[in-house]
N, C-alpha and C. Protein backbone atom coordinates (compact mmCIF):
# COMPACT_ATOMS: atom_id res chain seq x y z
N UNK A 1 -4.66 -12.41 6.77
CA UNK A 1 -3.65 -11.88 5.95
C UNK A 1 -2.51 -11.14 6.78
N UNK A 2 -2.91 -10.43 7.68
CA UNK A 2 -1.78 -9.88 8.60
C UNK A 2 -1.01 -10.90 9.19
N UNK A 3 -1.47 -11.96 9.96
CA UNK A 3 -0.73 -12.90 10.47
C UNK A 3 0.28 -13.64 9.35
N UNK A 4 -0.45 -13.75 8.12
CA UNK A 4 0.32 -14.63 7.17
C UNK A 4 1.74 -13.75 6.89
N UNK A 5 1.60 -12.54 7.04
CA UNK A 5 2.75 -11.81 6.75
C UNK A 5 3.61 -11.60 7.76
N UNK A 6 3.48 -12.12 8.89
CA UNK A 6 4.22 -12.11 10.01
C UNK A 6 4.11 -10.91 10.63
N UNK A 7 2.86 -10.15 10.67
CA UNK A 7 2.82 -8.95 11.32
C UNK A 7 2.15 -9.37 12.72
N UNK A 8 2.80 -8.72 13.74
CA UNK A 8 2.32 -9.25 15.01
C UNK A 8 1.97 -7.98 15.84
N UNK A 9 2.35 -6.91 15.33
CA UNK A 9 2.00 -5.56 16.20
C UNK A 9 0.36 -5.16 15.68
N UNK A 10 -0.21 -4.39 16.59
CA UNK A 10 -1.57 -3.75 16.37
C UNK A 10 -1.51 -2.55 15.38
N UNK A 11 -2.53 -2.29 14.75
CA UNK A 11 -2.33 -1.24 13.63
C UNK A 11 -2.17 0.08 14.36
N UNK A 12 -1.59 0.91 13.82
CA UNK A 12 -1.31 2.20 14.45
C UNK A 12 -2.10 3.38 13.62
N UNK A 13 -3.35 3.60 13.93
CA UNK A 13 -4.19 4.35 12.94
C UNK A 13 -3.73 5.66 13.18
N UNK A 14 -3.89 6.61 11.84
CA UNK A 14 -3.78 7.91 11.76
C UNK A 14 -4.75 8.66 10.82
N UNK A 15 -5.46 9.69 11.53
CA UNK A 15 -6.27 10.45 10.65
C UNK A 15 -5.80 11.80 10.60
N UNK A 16 -6.10 12.37 9.03
CA UNK A 16 -5.61 13.77 8.98
C UNK A 16 -6.56 14.27 7.92
N UNK A 17 -6.74 15.59 7.77
CA UNK A 17 -7.50 16.16 6.62
C UNK A 17 -7.07 15.57 5.37
N UNK A 18 -8.13 14.80 4.73
CA UNK A 18 -8.07 14.22 3.47
C UNK A 18 -7.64 12.86 3.52
N UNK A 19 -7.14 12.27 4.60
CA UNK A 19 -6.89 10.87 4.44
C UNK A 19 -6.93 10.11 5.78
N UNK A 20 -7.07 8.77 5.84
CA UNK A 20 -7.09 7.99 7.09
C UNK A 20 -6.36 6.77 6.83
N UNK A 21 -5.37 6.51 7.62
CA UNK A 21 -4.51 5.56 7.51
C UNK A 21 -4.16 4.51 8.57
N UNK A 22 -3.89 3.43 8.37
CA UNK A 22 -3.20 2.29 9.49
C UNK A 22 -2.06 2.07 9.14
N UNK A 23 -1.14 1.71 9.92
CA UNK A 23 0.10 1.00 9.68
C UNK A 23 0.63 -0.24 10.60
N UNK A 24 1.28 -1.18 10.19
CA UNK A 24 1.53 -2.24 10.71
C UNK A 24 3.09 -2.20 10.46
N UNK A 25 3.70 -3.18 11.62
CA UNK A 25 5.01 -3.51 11.22
C UNK A 25 5.34 -4.93 11.28
N UNK A 26 5.97 -5.44 10.40
CA UNK A 26 6.47 -6.76 10.53
C UNK A 26 7.82 -7.18 10.80
N UNK A 27 8.20 -7.65 12.19
CA UNK A 27 9.39 -7.74 12.83
C UNK A 27 9.94 -9.07 12.21
N UNK A 28 11.03 -9.37 11.73
CA UNK A 28 11.74 -10.51 11.08
C UNK A 28 12.82 -10.88 12.06
N UNK A 29 13.13 -11.99 12.00
CA UNK A 29 14.45 -12.52 12.70
C UNK A 29 15.79 -11.75 12.00
N UNK A 30 15.78 -11.52 10.81
CA UNK A 30 16.67 -10.78 10.23
C UNK A 30 16.10 -9.30 9.82
N UNK A 31 16.85 -8.43 10.58
CA UNK A 31 16.30 -6.95 10.52
C UNK A 31 16.00 -6.39 8.93
N UNK A 32 16.88 -7.02 7.95
CA UNK A 32 16.80 -6.65 6.61
C UNK A 32 15.53 -7.05 6.13
N UNK A 33 14.86 -8.04 6.82
CA UNK A 33 13.51 -8.66 5.96
C UNK A 33 12.32 -7.99 6.94
N UNK A 34 12.76 -7.25 7.57
CA UNK A 34 11.33 -6.46 8.40
C UNK A 34 10.88 -5.45 7.39
N UNK A 35 9.56 -5.05 7.55
CA UNK A 35 9.02 -3.96 6.67
C UNK A 35 7.53 -3.36 7.47
N UNK A 36 7.22 -2.50 7.08
CA UNK A 36 6.07 -1.69 7.53
C UNK A 36 5.19 -1.79 6.24
N UNK A 37 3.84 -1.77 6.64
CA UNK A 37 2.57 -1.78 5.70
C UNK A 37 1.69 -0.87 6.01
N UNK A 38 1.44 0.06 5.24
CA UNK A 38 0.45 1.00 5.46
C UNK A 38 -0.63 0.94 4.58
N UNK A 39 -1.78 1.17 4.92
CA UNK A 39 -3.07 1.13 3.98
C UNK A 39 -3.67 2.62 4.36
N UNK A 40 -3.76 3.50 3.27
CA UNK A 40 -4.24 4.77 3.40
C UNK A 40 -5.47 4.87 2.49
N UNK A 41 -6.53 5.54 2.98
CA UNK A 41 -7.65 5.74 1.87
C UNK A 41 -7.74 7.44 2.15
N UNK A 42 -7.44 7.79 0.78
CA UNK A 42 -7.48 9.39 0.35
C UNK A 42 -8.77 9.78 -0.29
N UNK A 43 -9.73 10.27 0.70
CA UNK A 43 -10.95 10.82 0.50
C UNK A 43 -10.97 11.92 -0.64
N UNK A 44 -10.11 12.52 -1.03
CA UNK A 44 -10.16 13.71 -1.96
C UNK A 44 -9.07 13.68 -2.98
N UNK A 45 -8.14 12.60 -3.26
CA UNK A 45 -7.07 12.31 -4.16
C UNK A 45 -7.48 11.34 -4.98
N UNK A 46 -7.43 10.99 -6.14
CA UNK A 46 -7.65 9.99 -7.06
C UNK A 46 -6.22 9.56 -7.56
N UNK A 47 -6.09 8.44 -8.34
CA UNK A 47 -4.85 7.97 -8.92
C UNK A 47 -4.01 8.84 -9.57
N UNK A 48 -4.89 9.73 -10.26
CA UNK A 48 -4.27 10.90 -10.97
C UNK A 48 -3.42 11.85 -10.04
N UNK A 49 -3.79 11.91 -8.90
CA UNK A 49 -3.35 12.81 -8.01
C UNK A 49 -2.18 12.13 -7.17
N UNK A 50 -1.73 11.07 -7.45
CA UNK A 50 -0.64 10.19 -6.72
C UNK A 50 0.46 10.99 -7.05
N UNK A 51 1.37 11.42 -5.91
CA UNK A 51 2.81 12.20 -5.92
C UNK A 51 3.84 11.42 -6.28
N UNK A 52 5.02 11.84 -6.71
CA UNK A 52 6.23 11.05 -7.21
C UNK A 52 6.65 11.29 -8.65
N UNK A 53 7.87 10.85 -8.87
CA UNK A 53 8.41 10.93 -10.21
C UNK A 53 8.82 9.53 -10.71
N UNK A 54 8.48 8.55 -9.77
CA UNK A 54 9.05 7.14 -10.35
C UNK A 54 7.84 6.73 -11.46
N UNK A 55 8.44 5.74 -12.38
CA UNK A 55 7.54 5.25 -13.35
C UNK A 55 6.32 4.59 -12.78
N UNK A 56 5.02 4.62 -13.32
CA UNK A 56 3.70 4.02 -12.98
C UNK A 56 3.59 2.87 -13.81
N UNK A 57 3.32 1.76 -13.27
CA UNK A 57 2.73 0.63 -14.13
C UNK A 57 1.40 0.39 -13.78
N UNK A 58 0.48 0.57 -14.94
CA UNK A 58 -0.93 0.29 -14.83
C UNK A 58 -1.24 -1.12 -14.30
N UNK A 59 -2.07 -1.61 -13.66
CA UNK A 59 -2.31 -2.92 -13.02
C UNK A 59 -3.89 -2.90 -12.64
N UNK A 60 -4.35 -4.03 -12.75
CA UNK A 60 -5.70 -4.36 -12.28
C UNK A 60 -5.85 -4.92 -10.60
N UNK A 61 -6.36 -4.40 -10.09
CA UNK A 61 -6.63 -5.27 -8.55
C UNK A 61 -8.09 -5.48 -8.55
N UNK A 62 -8.39 -6.77 -8.90
CA UNK A 62 -9.75 -7.20 -8.65
C UNK A 62 -10.24 -6.60 -10.12
N UNK A 63 -11.48 -5.95 -10.10
CA UNK A 63 -11.99 -5.21 -11.21
C UNK A 63 -11.73 -3.79 -11.41
N UNK A 64 -10.75 -3.27 -10.27
CA UNK A 64 -10.39 -1.92 -10.32
C UNK A 64 -9.20 -1.45 -10.99
N UNK A 65 -9.18 -0.14 -11.58
CA UNK A 65 -7.96 0.05 -12.10
C UNK A 65 -6.99 0.62 -10.93
N UNK A 66 -5.65 0.22 -10.92
CA UNK A 66 -4.67 0.87 -10.10
C UNK A 66 -3.41 1.16 -10.80
N UNK A 67 -2.53 1.64 -10.07
CA UNK A 67 -1.18 1.72 -10.28
C UNK A 67 -0.14 1.40 -9.30
N UNK A 68 1.09 0.73 -9.71
CA UNK A 68 2.13 0.37 -9.28
C UNK A 68 3.25 1.27 -9.39
N UNK A 69 3.83 1.83 -8.09
CA UNK A 69 4.99 2.61 -8.42
C UNK A 69 5.82 2.15 -7.05
N UNK A 70 7.22 2.63 -7.21
CA UNK A 70 8.28 2.78 -6.24
C UNK A 70 8.00 4.06 -5.50
N UNK A 71 8.43 4.13 -4.19
CA UNK A 71 8.39 5.39 -3.54
C UNK A 71 9.81 6.31 -4.05
N UNK A 72 9.78 7.45 -3.83
CA UNK A 72 11.04 8.10 -4.21
C UNK A 72 12.38 7.56 -3.84
N UNK A 73 12.63 7.19 -2.98
CA UNK A 73 13.86 6.56 -2.63
C UNK A 73 14.01 5.09 -3.18
N UNK A 74 13.03 4.29 -3.53
CA UNK A 74 12.95 3.08 -4.12
C UNK A 74 13.17 1.96 -3.01
N UNK A 75 12.67 2.20 -1.74
CA UNK A 75 12.80 1.54 -0.53
C UNK A 75 11.24 0.86 -0.24
N UNK A 76 10.36 1.34 -1.05
CA UNK A 76 9.14 1.01 -0.99
C UNK A 76 8.18 0.79 -2.15
N UNK A 77 7.29 0.03 -2.00
CA UNK A 77 6.34 -0.12 -3.42
C UNK A 77 5.03 0.31 -2.91
N UNK A 78 4.06 1.23 -3.70
CA UNK A 78 3.03 1.52 -3.66
C UNK A 78 1.96 1.01 -4.59
N UNK A 79 0.83 0.30 -4.27
CA UNK A 79 -0.18 0.02 -5.28
C UNK A 79 -1.40 0.77 -4.63
N UNK A 80 -1.75 1.56 -5.80
CA UNK A 80 -2.77 2.75 -5.75
C UNK A 80 -4.05 2.26 -6.16
N UNK A 81 -5.02 1.78 -5.36
CA UNK A 81 -6.36 1.49 -5.94
C UNK A 81 -7.35 2.70 -6.34
N UNK A 82 -7.89 2.56 -7.49
CA UNK A 82 -8.76 3.62 -7.83
C UNK A 82 -10.37 3.22 -7.07
N UNK A 83 -10.79 4.12 -6.45
CA UNK A 83 -12.20 3.88 -5.68
C UNK A 83 -13.28 4.74 -6.43
N UNK A 84 -12.92 5.98 -6.58
CA UNK A 84 -13.64 7.08 -7.48
C UNK A 84 -12.71 7.88 -8.41
N UNK A 85 -12.89 8.60 -9.17
CA UNK A 85 -12.16 9.81 -9.85
C UNK A 85 -11.26 10.61 -8.94
N UNK A 86 -12.08 10.60 -7.78
CA UNK A 86 -11.48 11.59 -6.61
C UNK A 86 -10.97 11.17 -5.36
N UNK A 87 -10.89 9.56 -5.35
CA UNK A 87 -10.78 8.89 -4.16
C UNK A 87 -9.76 7.46 -4.46
N UNK A 88 -8.90 7.29 -3.48
CA UNK A 88 -8.07 6.02 -3.86
C UNK A 88 -7.63 5.54 -2.61
N UNK A 89 -7.39 4.08 -2.46
CA UNK A 89 -6.67 3.61 -1.41
C UNK A 89 -5.06 3.18 -1.95
N UNK A 90 -4.23 3.41 -1.18
CA UNK A 90 -3.00 3.11 -1.33
C UNK A 90 -2.43 1.95 -0.15
N UNK A 91 -1.70 0.99 -0.82
CA UNK A 91 -1.24 -0.15 -0.14
C UNK A 91 0.13 0.18 -0.06
N UNK A 92 1.20 0.31 1.04
CA UNK A 92 2.34 0.74 0.63
C UNK A 92 3.31 -0.03 1.71
N UNK A 93 4.24 -0.75 1.11
CA UNK A 93 5.05 -1.58 1.83
C UNK A 93 6.65 -1.04 1.74
N UNK A 94 7.06 -0.63 2.99
CA UNK A 94 8.27 0.08 3.13
C UNK A 94 9.29 -0.93 3.66
N UNK A 95 10.47 -1.20 3.03
CA UNK A 95 11.67 -2.01 3.63
C UNK A 95 11.14 -3.51 3.32
N UNK A 96 12.17 -4.23 3.81
CA UNK A 96 12.08 -5.70 3.60
C UNK A 96 12.62 -6.02 2.25
N UNK A 97 12.86 -7.06 1.75
CA UNK A 97 13.66 -7.51 0.53
C UNK A 97 12.94 -7.16 -0.69
N UNK A 98 13.79 -6.35 -1.23
CA UNK A 98 13.29 -5.49 -2.55
C UNK A 98 12.33 -6.38 -3.60
N UNK A 99 12.67 -7.79 -3.80
CA UNK A 99 11.87 -8.22 -4.77
C UNK A 99 10.41 -8.76 -4.19
N UNK A 100 10.44 -8.67 -2.79
CA UNK A 100 9.08 -8.97 -2.11
C UNK A 100 8.10 -7.69 -1.97
N UNK A 101 8.67 -6.58 -2.01
CA UNK A 101 7.75 -5.45 -1.58
C UNK A 101 6.36 -5.24 -2.51
N UNK A 102 6.81 -5.23 -3.67
CA UNK A 102 5.46 -4.89 -4.59
C UNK A 102 4.60 -6.63 -4.63
N UNK A 103 5.25 -7.67 -4.31
CA UNK A 103 4.44 -8.84 -4.32
C UNK A 103 3.37 -8.57 -3.28
N UNK A 104 3.98 -8.26 -1.96
CA UNK A 104 3.36 -8.08 -0.82
C UNK A 104 2.05 -6.84 -0.82
N UNK A 105 2.55 -5.89 -1.64
CA UNK A 105 1.49 -4.93 -1.57
C UNK A 105 0.55 -5.04 -2.54
N UNK A 106 0.78 -5.95 -3.80
CA UNK A 106 -0.20 -6.42 -4.58
C UNK A 106 -1.09 -7.40 -3.92
N UNK A 107 -0.48 -8.23 -3.12
CA UNK A 107 -1.24 -9.56 -2.23
C UNK A 107 -2.35 -8.93 -1.40
N UNK A 108 -1.89 -7.65 -0.62
CA UNK A 108 -2.67 -7.11 0.46
C UNK A 108 -3.85 -6.20 -0.59
N UNK A 109 -3.40 -5.66 -1.55
CA UNK A 109 -4.60 -4.88 -2.52
C UNK A 109 -5.60 -5.68 -2.76
N UNK A 110 -5.16 -6.99 -3.31
CA UNK A 110 -6.18 -7.86 -3.83
C UNK A 110 -7.04 -8.44 -2.71
N UNK A 111 -6.57 -8.47 -1.64
CA UNK A 111 -7.52 -8.87 -0.26
C UNK A 111 -8.29 -7.97 0.28
N UNK A 112 -7.98 -6.55 0.18
CA UNK A 112 -8.78 -5.63 0.44
C UNK A 112 -9.92 -5.00 -0.38
N UNK A 113 -9.29 -5.09 -1.74
CA UNK A 113 -10.33 -4.76 -3.11
C UNK A 113 -11.71 -4.93 -2.84
N UNK A 114 -12.13 -6.20 -2.52
CA UNK A 114 -13.62 -6.38 -2.48
C UNK A 114 -14.40 -5.58 -1.40
N UNK A 115 -13.47 -5.20 -0.34
CA UNK A 115 -14.31 -4.70 0.76
C UNK A 115 -14.26 -2.74 0.45
N UNK A 116 -13.96 -2.40 -0.51
CA UNK A 116 -13.94 -0.98 -0.95
C UNK A 116 -15.17 -0.93 -1.68
N UNK A 117 -15.71 0.33 -1.16
CA UNK A 117 -16.99 0.84 -1.89
C UNK A 117 -16.91 0.95 -3.21
């Protein structure tokens, strides 16, 4: 999936209290088409704890409840997948063509969902 998206960089892992994340960058020939992909596991925050004031759209990712929303600047799309009532995995696409952001986030979410506990 990573190569299909045009991502050639290695993951940049980040761990902090309450979450673990990895970030990849897809560099495209046209800079406006480039984007970042973050996958973050929140051990203590469920979907109900998702921050932000943008409208949320309930979606299904595999058999799991999820929500899709834009970030506060509307430059990125988040698909937050329910793991438990108090944990979730966010797939966040920042940058790139606006119509593609949520498509990419949903596609990645669908690919990782079967691997979630």
